[in-house]
């Protein structure tokens, strides 16, 4: 049997393309925020304060608990972290 190929891990894990697209967008935002925070000085508590969240909430983000964050929440956090979020929409392949 020929192995099936997927465009992303989310396409392989999620049954419908809408959920896969949402998960992919959330994961990309989470990674960008994590990388930004890694380059910033300070403790987790200080970083959480700058983002306007609790330390446990920041810990959820840093540990990649994607199910605890909506796309809207991640866009807001990215903005507070000093990132600019741009949305690109294209026709599906």
N, C-alpha and C. Protein backbone atom coordinates (compact mmCIF):
# COMPACT_ATOMS: atom_id res chain seq x y z
N UNK A 1 0.85 -1.18 0.00
CA UNK A 1 0.00 0.00 0.00
C UNK A 1 0.89 1.25 0.00
N UNK A 2 0.56 2.18 -0.85
CA UNK A 2 1.33 3.42 -0.97
C UNK A 2 1.00 4.35 0.22
N UNK A 3 2.05 4.85 0.93
CA UNK A 3 1.78 5.73 2.06
C UNK A 3 1.15 7.05 1.60
N UNK A 4 0.22 7.55 2.39
CA UNK A 4 -0.45 8.81 2.08
C UNK A 4 0.43 9.97 2.53
N UNK A 5 0.51 11.02 1.70
CA UNK A 5 1.29 12.20 2.04
C UNK A 5 0.36 13.34 2.43
N UNK A 6 0.80 14.12 3.41
CA UNK A 6 0.03 15.25 3.91
C UNK A 6 0.85 16.52 3.78
N UNK A 7 0.16 17.64 3.63
CA UNK A 7 0.83 18.94 3.52
C UNK A 7 1.41 19.39 4.85
N UNK A 8 0.75 19.03 5.94
CA UNK A 8 1.24 19.38 7.28
C UNK A 8 0.81 18.29 8.25
N UNK A 9 1.42 18.32 9.42
CA UNK A 9 1.06 17.35 10.45
C UNK A 9 -0.40 17.52 10.86
N UNK A 10 -0.90 18.75 10.79
CA UNK A 10 -2.29 19.00 11.18
C UNK A 10 -3.25 18.38 10.18
N UNK A 11 -2.88 18.35 8.91
CA UNK A 11 -3.72 17.69 7.91
C UNK A 11 -3.81 16.19 8.20
N UNK A 12 -2.74 15.63 8.72
CA UNK A 12 -2.73 14.20 9.05
C UNK A 12 -3.53 13.91 10.32
N UNK A 13 -3.53 14.84 11.26
CA UNK A 13 -4.17 14.60 12.56
C UNK A 13 -5.64 14.97 12.62
N UNK A 14 -6.03 15.97 11.85
CA UNK A 14 -7.41 16.46 11.92
C UNK A 14 -8.23 15.93 10.74
N UNK A 15 -9.48 15.65 11.01
CA UNK A 15 -10.34 15.06 9.98
C UNK A 15 -10.82 16.08 8.95
N UNK A 16 -11.10 17.30 9.38
CA UNK A 16 -11.61 18.27 8.42
C UNK A 16 -10.58 19.38 8.18
N UNK A 17 -10.56 19.90 6.97
CA UNK A 17 -9.55 20.91 6.61
C UNK A 17 -9.67 22.21 7.40
N UNK A 18 -10.88 22.55 7.84
CA UNK A 18 -11.06 23.78 8.62
C UNK A 18 -10.33 23.69 9.96
N UNK A 19 -10.47 22.57 10.64
CA UNK A 19 -9.80 22.38 11.92
C UNK A 19 -8.29 22.32 11.72
N UNK A 20 -7.85 21.65 10.67
CA UNK A 20 -6.42 21.58 10.39
C UNK A 20 -5.84 22.96 10.14
N UNK A 21 -6.55 23.80 9.39
CA UNK A 21 -6.07 25.16 9.11
C UNK A 21 -6.00 25.99 10.39
N UNK A 22 -6.99 25.84 11.25
CA UNK A 22 -6.99 26.57 12.52
C UNK A 22 -5.85 26.13 13.41
N UNK A 23 -5.62 24.83 13.49
CA UNK A 23 -4.54 24.30 14.32
C UNK A 23 -3.18 24.75 13.78
N UNK A 24 -3.03 24.77 12.47
CA UNK A 24 -1.77 25.19 11.87
C UNK A 24 -1.50 26.66 12.18
N UNK A 25 -2.51 27.50 12.06
CA UNK A 25 -2.35 28.92 12.37
C UNK A 25 -2.00 29.12 13.84
N UNK A 26 -2.70 28.40 14.72
CA UNK A 26 -2.40 28.53 16.15
C UNK A 26 -1.00 28.06 16.48
N UNK A 27 -0.57 26.95 15.88
CA UNK A 27 0.77 26.44 16.19
C UNK A 27 1.84 27.41 15.68
N UNK A 28 1.65 27.99 14.50
CA UNK A 28 2.63 28.95 13.98
C UNK A 28 2.72 30.18 14.88
N UNK A 29 1.58 30.65 15.37
CA UNK A 29 1.59 31.80 16.29
C UNK A 29 2.27 31.44 17.61
N UNK A 30 1.97 30.27 18.14
CA UNK A 30 2.58 29.86 19.40
C UNK A 30 4.10 29.80 19.27
N UNK A 31 4.58 29.22 18.19
CA UNK A 31 6.02 29.11 17.98
C UNK A 31 6.66 30.49 17.87
N UNK A 32 6.02 31.39 17.13
CA UNK A 32 6.56 32.75 16.97
C UNK A 32 6.63 33.47 18.32
N UNK A 33 5.59 33.33 19.12
CA UNK A 33 5.58 33.98 20.44
C UNK A 33 6.66 33.37 21.34
N UNK A 34 6.77 32.04 21.34
CA UNK A 34 7.79 31.37 22.14
C UNK A 34 9.18 31.84 21.75
N UNK A 35 9.44 31.91 20.45
CA UNK A 35 10.76 32.36 19.99
C UNK A 35 11.03 33.80 20.39
N UNK A 36 10.02 34.63 20.31
CA UNK A 36 10.17 36.04 20.71
C UNK A 36 10.49 36.13 22.20
N UNK A 37 9.77 35.37 23.01
CA UNK A 37 9.99 35.41 24.46
C UNK A 37 11.36 34.84 24.83
N UNK A 38 11.84 33.85 24.09
CA UNK A 38 13.16 33.28 24.36
C UNK A 38 14.26 34.32 24.19
N UNK A 39 14.05 35.27 23.29
CA UNK A 39 15.06 36.31 23.05
C UNK A 39 14.96 37.47 24.03
N UNK A 40 13.89 37.53 24.82
CA UNK A 40 13.71 38.62 25.77
C UNK A 40 14.30 38.24 27.12
N UNK A 41 14.84 39.25 27.77
CA UNK A 41 15.38 39.05 29.11
C UNK A 41 14.24 39.02 30.12
N UNK A 42 14.52 38.42 31.27
CA UNK A 42 13.55 38.44 32.36
C UNK A 42 13.08 37.06 32.75
N UNK A 43 12.42 37.04 33.88
CA UNK A 43 11.87 35.79 34.39
C UNK A 43 10.53 35.51 33.72
N UNK A 44 10.03 34.31 33.93
CA UNK A 44 8.70 33.97 33.40
C UNK A 44 7.65 34.91 33.97
N UNK A 45 7.77 35.25 35.23
CA UNK A 45 6.80 36.14 35.86
C UNK A 45 6.83 37.52 35.20
N UNK A 46 8.02 38.02 34.89
CA UNK A 46 8.15 39.32 34.24
C UNK A 46 7.59 39.28 32.81
N UNK A 47 7.86 38.21 32.12
CA UNK A 47 7.34 38.07 30.76
C UNK A 47 5.83 37.96 30.77
N UNK A 48 5.29 37.21 31.72
CA UNK A 48 3.84 37.09 31.85
C UNK A 48 3.20 38.45 32.11
N UNK A 49 3.82 39.23 32.97
CA UNK A 49 3.29 40.57 33.28
C UNK A 49 3.29 41.44 32.02
N UNK A 50 4.37 41.38 31.24
CA UNK A 50 4.43 42.17 30.00
C UNK A 50 3.34 41.76 29.02
N UNK A 51 3.00 40.48 29.01
CA UNK A 51 1.95 39.99 28.11
C UNK A 51 0.55 40.17 28.68
N UNK A 52 0.46 40.50 29.96
CA UNK A 52 -0.85 40.69 30.58
C UNK A 52 -1.56 39.39 30.89
N UNK A 53 -0.78 38.34 31.18
CA UNK A 53 -1.34 37.04 31.54
C UNK A 53 -0.71 36.56 32.84
N UNK A 54 -1.31 35.53 33.43
CA UNK A 54 -0.73 34.95 34.64
C UNK A 54 0.47 34.09 34.26
N UNK A 55 1.29 33.80 35.24
CA UNK A 55 2.45 32.94 34.99
C UNK A 55 2.01 31.53 34.57
N UNK A 56 0.99 30.94 35.21
CA UNK A 56 0.54 29.63 34.74
C UNK A 56 0.05 29.65 33.28
N UNK A 57 -0.60 30.76 32.89
CA UNK A 57 -1.07 30.88 31.51
C UNK A 57 0.13 30.95 30.54
N UNK A 58 1.15 31.70 30.92
CA UNK A 58 2.36 31.77 30.10
C UNK A 58 3.03 30.40 30.02
N UNK A 59 3.03 29.69 31.13
CA UNK A 59 3.60 28.34 31.15
C UNK A 59 2.87 27.42 30.17
N UNK A 60 1.54 27.55 30.10
CA UNK A 60 0.78 26.76 29.12
C UNK A 60 1.24 27.07 27.70
N UNK A 61 1.48 28.33 27.42
CA UNK A 61 1.95 28.74 26.10
C UNK A 61 3.33 28.17 25.81
N UNK A 62 4.24 28.30 26.77
CA UNK A 62 5.61 27.85 26.57
C UNK A 62 5.71 26.33 26.45
N UNK A 63 4.78 25.62 27.04
CA UNK A 63 4.77 24.15 26.95
C UNK A 63 3.97 23.65 25.75
N UNK A 64 3.46 24.59 24.94
CA UNK A 64 2.79 24.20 23.70
C UNK A 64 1.41 23.60 23.88
N UNK A 65 0.71 23.97 24.92
CA UNK A 65 -0.63 23.44 25.17
C UNK A 65 -1.63 24.19 24.27
N UNK A 66 -1.62 23.81 23.02
CA UNK A 66 -2.35 24.51 21.98
C UNK A 66 -3.86 24.53 22.22
N UNK A 67 -4.39 23.49 22.82
CA UNK A 67 -5.82 23.41 23.08
C UNK A 67 -6.33 24.44 24.06
N UNK A 68 -5.45 25.09 24.79
CA UNK A 68 -5.86 26.09 25.78
C UNK A 68 -5.91 27.51 25.20
N UNK A 69 -5.60 27.65 23.91
CA UNK A 69 -5.53 28.98 23.31
C UNK A 69 -6.34 29.05 22.03
N UNK A 70 -7.18 30.07 21.95
CA UNK A 70 -7.91 30.32 20.70
C UNK A 70 -7.00 31.12 19.77
N UNK A 71 -7.38 31.16 18.53
CA UNK A 71 -6.63 31.95 17.55
C UNK A 71 -6.64 33.42 17.94
N UNK A 72 -7.78 33.91 18.40
CA UNK A 72 -7.89 35.31 18.84
C UNK A 72 -6.94 35.61 19.99
N UNK A 73 -6.90 34.73 20.97
CA UNK A 73 -6.02 34.94 22.13
C UNK A 73 -4.56 34.98 21.70
N UNK A 74 -4.19 34.11 20.78
CA UNK A 74 -2.80 34.08 20.33
C UNK A 74 -2.43 35.31 19.50
N UNK A 75 -3.36 35.82 18.72
CA UNK A 75 -3.11 37.07 17.98
C UNK A 75 -2.88 38.20 18.98
N UNK A 76 -3.68 38.28 20.01
CA UNK A 76 -3.51 39.32 21.04
C UNK A 76 -2.17 39.17 21.75
N UNK A 77 -1.79 37.96 22.11
CA UNK A 77 -0.51 37.74 22.78
C UNK A 77 0.66 38.09 21.87
N UNK A 78 0.55 37.74 20.61
CA UNK A 78 1.62 38.07 19.66
C UNK A 78 1.80 39.58 19.57
N UNK A 79 0.71 40.29 19.52
CA UNK A 79 0.78 41.75 19.46
C UNK A 79 1.44 42.31 20.71
N UNK A 80 1.05 41.80 21.86
CA UNK A 80 1.65 42.27 23.12
C UNK A 80 3.13 41.91 23.22
N UNK A 81 3.54 40.85 22.51
CA UNK A 81 4.94 40.43 22.52
C UNK A 81 5.77 41.25 21.53
N UNK A 82 5.11 42.14 20.81
CA UNK A 82 5.83 42.98 19.86
C UNK A 82 5.92 42.40 18.47
N UNK A 83 5.04 41.46 18.17
CA UNK A 83 5.00 40.86 16.84
C UNK A 83 3.85 41.46 16.03
N UNK A 84 4.03 41.50 14.74
CA UNK A 84 2.97 41.94 13.83
C UNK A 84 2.41 40.70 13.15
N UNK A 85 1.13 40.50 13.25
CA UNK A 85 0.49 39.33 12.66
C UNK A 85 -0.14 39.74 11.34
N UNK A 86 0.20 39.02 10.28
CA UNK A 86 -0.38 39.26 8.97
C UNK A 86 -1.04 37.97 8.50
N UNK A 87 -2.19 38.11 7.91
CA UNK A 87 -2.93 36.96 7.43
C UNK A 87 -2.80 36.88 5.92
N UNK A 88 -2.45 35.72 5.43
CA UNK A 88 -2.35 35.51 3.99
C UNK A 88 -3.37 34.47 3.59
N UNK A 89 -4.22 34.82 2.63
CA UNK A 89 -5.26 33.91 2.18
C UNK A 89 -4.99 33.58 0.72
N UNK A 90 -4.99 32.27 0.42
CA UNK A 90 -4.78 31.81 -0.95
C UNK A 90 -5.77 30.72 -1.28
N UNK A 91 -5.90 30.48 -2.55
CA UNK A 91 -6.76 29.39 -3.02
C UNK A 91 -6.12 28.06 -2.61
N UNK A 92 -6.94 27.12 -2.16
CA UNK A 92 -6.42 25.80 -1.76
C UNK A 92 -5.90 25.06 -2.98
N UNK A 93 -4.91 24.23 -2.75
CA UNK A 93 -4.31 23.45 -3.86
C UNK A 93 -5.26 22.37 -4.32
